[in-house]
Structures are given as structure tokens and as C-alpha cells.
Amino acid sequence: MSTDLQGGQSHRALALAAVGAQNRDRRKSAGKASSLRFRRFLHFLRLTAAVLFWPVLAVVLWYSVVPSGVPAAVDDKLQHFAAYFALGWLAAAAMRDRRFALVAGGMLIALGGGVELAQFAVPDREASFADAFANAVGVIAGALAARAIVEPLRQRFPAGIFAGRG
């Protein structure tokens, strides 16, 4: 009689273990689905940053070379910083790899300096080292801020949008 009781208990234990394993598998697959949805959302955000970069760049370049410039309601250096912060943020957020973000940041810094040099040829505009410096600081701050968000996500979700394929 005691062996039947033990046999019944072991079958019950096996059945409970099987149900527990099924529940664990369901949670794991739900976690994978959630992770996949999150990676797709992050991919969408990365592509959005890449698309928004170009019109923002066009606006910044336009207001950098038109003779009238931007109305001076805000300090000139703050305008430079904010414009290039946005460019640095969008460029760094759009890049999968940190190295590409560094290259994009370097190119934006060079662009900011080049725009200041081009202002020598624009009537009613002044080229300024301080403006070029504000541009560079804006790019660096924007890129660092974007990567401070992207890098932890890249480490937490290594597959998909932040890795090569997946």
C-alpha cells in the first residue's frame, strides 16, 4: 500500500514538474516576443532618427548661410549649440555602431567649422571661432547624450537592430 502511495505521489510530482516547465516555457517565449517587439520599436526609432537628421541638417545649413540669419531672440552661441546638439543626437542615435557615431560626430564638427569659414563669403554674416566651438560642443554633447541611451540598450538587447543581423 505504501508503494502505491509513493508511486501516486511521484506521478503527481512529475505532472506538477511538467506543468511548471510548460509555464516556464510560456513565460520565456512571452519574454522573447516582448524582447523582439522592443527591438523592433528601437529599430523604428533608429530609422526615425536617420530620416529626421536630413531635414534638420538642411534647416541648420540654410540658417547658417542666409544673409539675414536667425532672429536674435536667443543668444547666438546657444542657437549654435542647440542646432548642432540636435544634429549630434540624431546622427549618434541613428548609428548602430559606436565607431560610426564617432565618424559622424567628427564629420559634423568639420561641417560646423566649414560653415563658419563659408560665412566669410556671405554678406551680413560673420565667421567666428566661438561659433565653431559652440557647434563642436553641441555635436559632442548631443552624441554623448544619444549614446548614453543607445549603448545600455545595445548591451541589453544585443541581437537585431544593434548587432549585425537578426
C-alpha atoms as a PDB file:
ATOM      1  CA  MET A   1       0.000   0.000   0.000  1.00  0.00           C
ATOM      2  CA  SER A   2       2.805   2.389   0.804  1.00  0.00           C
ATOM      3  CA  THR A   3       4.474   1.762  -2.578  1.00  0.00           C
ATOM      4  CA  ASP A   4       1.223   2.670  -4.357  1.00  0.00           C
ATOM      5  CA  LEU A   5       1.047   5.850  -2.343  1.00  0.00           C
ATOM      6  CA  GLN A   6       4.627   6.730  -3.189  1.00  0.00           C
ATOM      7  CA  GLY A   7       4.055   5.881  -6.859  1.00  0.00           C
ATOM      8  CA  GLY A   8       0.997   8.145  -6.939  1.00  0.00           C
ATOM      9  CA  GLN A   9       2.942  10.954  -5.330  1.00  0.00           C
ATOM     10  CA  SER A  10       5.796  10.602  -7.791  1.00  0.00           C
ATOM     11  CA  HIS A  11       3.354  10.738 -10.730  1.00  0.00           C
ATOM     12  CA  ARG A  12       1.805  13.827  -9.214  1.00  0.00           C
ATOM     13  CA  ALA A  13       5.253  15.376  -8.734  1.00  0.00           C
ATOM     14  CA  LEU A  14       6.153  14.597 -12.354  1.00  0.00           C
ATOM     15  CA  ALA A  15       2.879  16.094 -13.555  1.00  0.00           C
ATOM     16  CA  LEU A  16       3.461  19.256 -11.485  1.00  0.00           C
ATOM     17  CA  ALA A  17       7.014  19.489 -12.794  1.00  0.00           C
ATOM     18  CA  ALA A  18       5.744  19.171 -16.372  1.00  0.00           C
ATOM     19  CA  VAL A  19       3.149  21.904 -15.798  1.00  0.00           C
ATOM     20  CA  GLY A  20       5.830  24.098 -14.212  1.00  0.00           C
ATOM     21  CA  ALA A  21       8.103  23.539 -17.207  1.00  0.00           C
ATOM     22  CA  GLN A  22       5.274  24.427 -19.600  1.00  0.00           C
ATOM     23  CA  ASN A  23       4.554  27.626 -17.676  1.00  0.00           C
ATOM     24  CA  ARG A  24       8.263  28.495 -17.638  1.00  0.00           C
ATOM     25  CA  ASP A  25       8.453  27.895 -21.407  1.00  0.00           C
ATOM     26  CA  ARG A  26       5.400  30.123 -21.946  1.00  0.00           C
ATOM     27  CA  ARG A  27       6.971  32.911 -19.873  1.00  0.00           C
ATOM     28  CA  LYS A  28      10.245  32.510 -21.729  1.00  0.00           C
ATOM     29  CA  SER A  29       8.550  32.659 -25.144  1.00  0.00           C
ATOM     30  CA  ALA A  30       6.478  35.644 -23.987  1.00  0.00           C
ATOM     31  CA  GLY A  31       9.717  37.307 -22.872  1.00  0.00           C
ATOM     32  CA  LYS A  32      11.289  36.621 -26.269  1.00  0.00           C
ATOM     33  CA  ALA A  33       8.249  38.055 -28.033  1.00  0.00           C
ATOM     34  CA  SER A  34       8.367  41.121 -25.803  1.00  0.00           C
ATOM     35  CA  SER A  35      12.084  41.490 -26.454  1.00  0.00           C
ATOM     36  CA  LEU A  36      11.518  41.168 -30.187  1.00  0.00           C
ATOM     37  CA  ARG A  37       8.793  43.825 -30.098  1.00  0.00           C
ATOM     38  CA  PHE A  38      11.083  46.128 -28.134  1.00  0.00           C
ATOM     39  CA  ARG A  39      13.942  45.582 -30.601  1.00  0.00           C
ATOM     40  CA  ARG A  40      11.586  46.375 -33.488  1.00  0.00           C
ATOM     41  CA  PHE A  41      10.483  49.541 -31.710  1.00  0.00           C
ATOM     42  CA  LEU A  42      14.114  50.556 -31.169  1.00  0.00           C
ATOM     43  CA  HIS A  43      14.815  49.850 -34.842  1.00  0.00           C
ATOM     44  CA  PHE A  44      11.913  52.133 -35.738  1.00  0.00           C
ATOM     45  CA  LEU A  45      13.372  54.868 -33.506  1.00  0.00           C
ATOM     46  CA  ARG A  46      16.822  54.458 -35.057  1.00  0.00           C
ATOM     47  CA  LEU A  47      15.374  54.776 -38.551  1.00  0.00           C
ATOM     48  CA  THR A  48      13.311  57.771 -37.473  1.00  0.00           C
ATOM     49  CA  ALA A  49      16.466  59.474 -36.196  1.00  0.00           C
ATOM     50  CA  ALA A  50      18.193  58.699 -39.500  1.00  0.00           C
ATOM     51  CA  VAL A  51      15.323  60.182 -41.512  1.00  0.00           C
ATOM     52  CA  LEU A  52      14.926  63.276 -39.315  1.00  0.00           C
ATOM     53  CA  PHE A  53      18.652  64.001 -39.483  1.00  0.00           C
ATOM     54  CA  TRP A  54      18.466  65.212 -43.098  1.00  0.00           C
ATOM     55  CA  PRO A  55      15.757  67.878 -42.790  1.00  0.00           C
ATOM     56  CA  VAL A  56      17.314  69.129 -39.550  1.00  0.00           C
ATOM     57  CA  LEU A  57      20.669  69.348 -41.341  1.00  0.00           C
ATOM     58  CA  ALA A  58      19.052  71.248 -44.217  1.00  0.00           C
ATOM     59  CA  VAL A  59      17.462  73.764 -41.831  1.00  0.00           C
ATOM     60  CA  VAL A  60      20.716  74.258 -39.909  1.00  0.00           C
ATOM     61  CA  LEU A  61      22.691  74.790 -43.120  1.00  0.00           C
ATOM     62  CA  TRP A  62      20.068  77.140 -44.535  1.00  0.00           C
ATOM     63  CA  TYR A  63      20.049  79.383 -41.483  1.00  0.00           C
ATOM     64  CA  SER A  64      23.843  79.224 -41.338  1.00  0.00           C
ATOM     65  CA  VAL A  65      24.361  80.762 -44.767  1.00  0.00           C
ATOM     66  CA  VAL A  66      21.369  83.003 -45.457  1.00  0.00           C
ATOM     67  CA  PRO A  67      22.357  86.648 -45.061  1.00  0.00           C
ATOM     68  CA  SER A  68      19.623  87.518 -42.575  1.00  0.00           C
ATOM     69  CA  GLY A  69      20.321  84.635 -40.200  1.00  0.00           C
ATOM     70  CA  VAL A  70      18.047  83.719 -37.310  1.00  0.00           C
ATOM     71  CA  PRO A  71      16.392  86.445 -35.241  1.00  0.00           C
ATOM     72  CA  ALA A  72      18.448  87.088 -32.120  1.00  0.00           C
ATOM     73  CA  ALA A  73      15.765  86.308 -29.524  1.00  0.00           C
ATOM     74  CA  VAL A  74      18.202  83.817 -28.001  1.00  0.00           C
ATOM     75  CA  ASP A  75      21.962  84.100 -27.545  1.00  0.00           C
ATOM     76  CA  ASP A  76      23.827  83.300 -30.758  1.00  0.00           C
ATOM     77  CA  LYS A  77      26.080  80.686 -29.124  1.00  0.00           C
ATOM     78  CA  LEU A  78      23.074  78.942 -27.592  1.00  0.00           C
ATOM     79  CA  GLN A  79      21.498  78.736 -31.053  1.00  0.00           C
ATOM     80  CA  HIS A  80      24.659  77.163 -32.438  1.00  0.00           C
ATOM     81  CA  PHE A  81      24.897  74.735 -29.537  1.00  0.00           C
ATOM     82  CA  ALA A  82      21.218  73.696 -29.807  1.00  0.00           C
ATOM     83  CA  ALA A  83      21.306  73.203 -33.574  1.00  0.00           C
ATOM     84  CA  TYR A  84      24.436  71.063 -33.502  1.00  0.00           C
ATOM     85  CA  PHE A  85      23.263  69.236 -30.363  1.00  0.00           C
ATOM     86  CA  ALA A  86      20.217  68.111 -32.353  1.00  0.00           C
ATOM     87  CA  LEU A  87      22.414  67.047 -35.272  1.00  0.00           C
ATOM     88  CA  GLY A  88      24.824  65.180 -32.995  1.00  0.00           C
ATOM     89  CA  TRP A  89      21.951  63.478 -31.166  1.00  0.00           C
ATOM     90  CA  LEU A  90      20.212  62.345 -34.355  1.00  0.00           C
ATOM     91  CA  ALA A  91      23.406  61.147 -36.015  1.00  0.00           C
ATOM     92  CA  ALA A  92      24.607  59.174 -32.990  1.00  0.00           C
ATOM     93  CA  ALA A  93      21.158  57.703 -32.298  1.00  0.00           C
ATOM     94  CA  ALA A  94      20.833  56.583 -35.908  1.00  0.00           C
ATOM     95  CA  MET A  95      24.116  54.676 -35.893  1.00  0.00           C
ATOM     96  CA  ARG A  96      24.268  51.012 -34.912  1.00  0.00           C
ATOM     97  CA  ASP A  97      27.937  51.059 -34.064  1.00  0.00           C
ATOM     98  CA  ARG A  98      29.792  53.441 -31.772  1.00  0.00           C
ATOM     99  CA  ARG A  99      32.618  53.806 -34.314  1.00  0.00           C
ATOM    100  CA  PHE A 100      30.229  55.098 -36.963  1.00  0.00           C
ATOM    101  CA  ALA A 101      28.793  57.532 -34.429  1.00  0.00           C
ATOM    102  CA  LEU A 102      32.328  58.828 -33.778  1.00  0.00           C
ATOM    103  CA  VAL A 103      32.926  59.276 -37.505  1.00  0.00           C
ATOM    104  CA  ALA A 104      29.581  61.053 -37.932  1.00  0.00           C
ATOM    105  CA  GLY A 105      30.381  63.326 -34.975  1.00  0.00           C
ATOM    106  CA  GLY A 106      33.778  64.188 -36.444  1.00  0.00           C
ATOM    107  CA  MET A 107      32.195  64.982 -39.774  1.00  0.00           C
ATOM    108  CA  LEU A 108      29.610  67.218 -38.114  1.00  0.00           C
ATOM    109  CA  ILE A 109      32.333  69.085 -36.236  1.00  0.00           C
ATOM    110  CA  ALA A 110      34.176  69.596 -39.535  1.00  0.00           C
ATOM    111  CA  LEU A 111      30.919  70.735 -41.145  1.00  0.00           C
ATOM    112  CA  GLY A 112      30.366  73.277 -38.363  1.00  0.00           C
ATOM    113  CA  GLY A 113      33.854  74.681 -38.920  1.00  0.00           C
ATOM    114  CA  GLY A 114      33.358  74.684 -42.677  1.00  0.00           C
ATOM    115  CA  VAL A 115      30.087  76.571 -42.379  1.00  0.00           C
ATOM    116  CA  GLU A 116      31.818  79.213 -40.274  1.00  0.00           C
ATOM    117  CA  LEU A 117      34.507  79.572 -42.949  1.00  0.00           C
ATOM    118  CA  ALA A 118      31.828  79.819 -45.649  1.00  0.00           C
ATOM    119  CA  GLN A 119      30.261  82.717 -43.766  1.00  0.00           C
ATOM    120  CA  PHE A 120      33.245  84.874 -44.777  1.00  0.00           C
ATOM    121  CA  ALA A 121      31.694  84.925 -48.268  1.00  0.00           C
ATOM    122  CA  VAL A 122      28.135  85.665 -47.102  1.00  0.00           C
ATOM    123  CA  PRO A 123      27.165  89.337 -46.806  1.00  0.00           C
ATOM    124  CA  ASP A 124      25.919  90.439 -43.377  1.00  0.00           C
ATOM    125  CA  ARG A 125      27.364  87.306 -41.720  1.00  0.00           C
ATOM    126  CA  GLU A 126      30.442  86.978 -39.538  1.00  0.00           C
ATOM    127  CA  ALA A 127      32.560  83.899 -39.196  1.00  0.00           C
ATOM    128  CA  SER A 128      33.549  83.248 -35.610  1.00  0.00           C
ATOM    129  CA  PHE A 129      35.786  80.757 -33.844  1.00  0.00           C
ATOM    130  CA  ALA A 130      33.412  80.945 -30.872  1.00  0.00           C
ATOM    131  CA  ASP A 131      30.536  79.863 -33.113  1.00  0.00           C
ATOM    132  CA  ALA A 132      32.583  76.941 -34.447  1.00  0.00           C
ATOM    133  CA  PHE A 133      33.443  75.994 -30.861  1.00  0.00           C
ATOM    134  CA  ALA A 134      29.746  76.140 -29.868  1.00  0.00           C
ATOM    135  CA  ASN A 135      28.956  73.918 -32.867  1.00  0.00           C
ATOM    136  CA  ALA A 136      31.589  71.372 -31.815  1.00  0.00           C
ATOM    137  CA  VAL A 137      30.478  71.334 -28.170  1.00  0.00           C
ATOM    138  CA  GLY A 138      26.875  70.866 -29.317  1.00  0.00           C
ATOM    139  CA  VAL A 139      27.793  67.899 -31.517  1.00  0.00           C
ATOM    140  CA  ILE A 140      29.807  66.260 -28.746  1.00  0.00           C
ATOM    141  CA  ALA A 141      27.103  66.806 -26.117  1.00  0.00           C
ATOM    142  CA  GLY A 142      24.326  65.560 -28.407  1.00  0.00           C
ATOM    143  CA  ALA A 143      26.263  62.483 -29.499  1.00  0.00           C
ATOM    144  CA  LEU A 144      27.245  61.604 -25.930  1.00  0.00           C
ATOM    145  CA  ALA A 145      23.669  62.018 -24.737  1.00  0.00           C
ATOM    146  CA  ALA A 146      22.318  59.786 -27.504  1.00  0.00           C
ATOM    147  CA  ARG A 147      24.961  57.103 -26.970  1.00  0.00           C
ATOM    148  CA  ALA A 148      24.341  57.179 -23.214  1.00  0.00           C
ATOM    149  CA  ILE A 149      20.864  55.900 -24.056  1.00  0.00           C
ATOM    150  CA  VAL A 150      21.740  53.659 -27.011  1.00  0.00           C
ATOM    151  CA  GLU A 151      24.731  51.798 -25.534  1.00  0.00           C
ATOM    152  CA  PRO A 152      22.942  50.283 -22.494  1.00  0.00           C
ATOM    153  CA  LEU A 153      20.088  49.188 -24.764  1.00  0.00           C
ATOM    154  CA  ARG A 154      22.571  47.737 -27.209  1.00  0.00           C
ATOM    155  CA  GLN A 155      24.142  45.682 -24.428  1.00  0.00           C
ATOM    156  CA  ARG A 156      20.798  44.543 -23.046  1.00  0.00           C
ATOM    157  CA  PHE A 157      19.370  43.612 -26.457  1.00  0.00           C
ATOM    158  CA  PRO A 158      22.431  42.526 -28.460  1.00  0.00           C
ATOM    159  CA  ALA A 159      20.547  40.915 -31.336  1.00  0.00           C
ATOM    160  CA  GLY A 160      18.528  42.614 -34.024  1.00  0.00           C
ATOM    161  CA  ILE A 161      18.962  46.311 -34.521  1.00  0.00           C
ATOM    162  CA  PHE A 162      22.138  46.792 -32.530  1.00  0.00           C
ATOM    163  CA  ALA A 163      24.015  43.763 -33.899  1.00  0.00           C
ATOM    164  CA  GLY A 164      24.868  42.935 -37.470  1.00  0.00           C
ATOM    165  CA  ARG A 165      21.839  40.751 -38.338  1.00  0.00           C
ATOM    166  CA  GLY A 166      18.972  39.190 -36.504  1.00  0.00           C
END
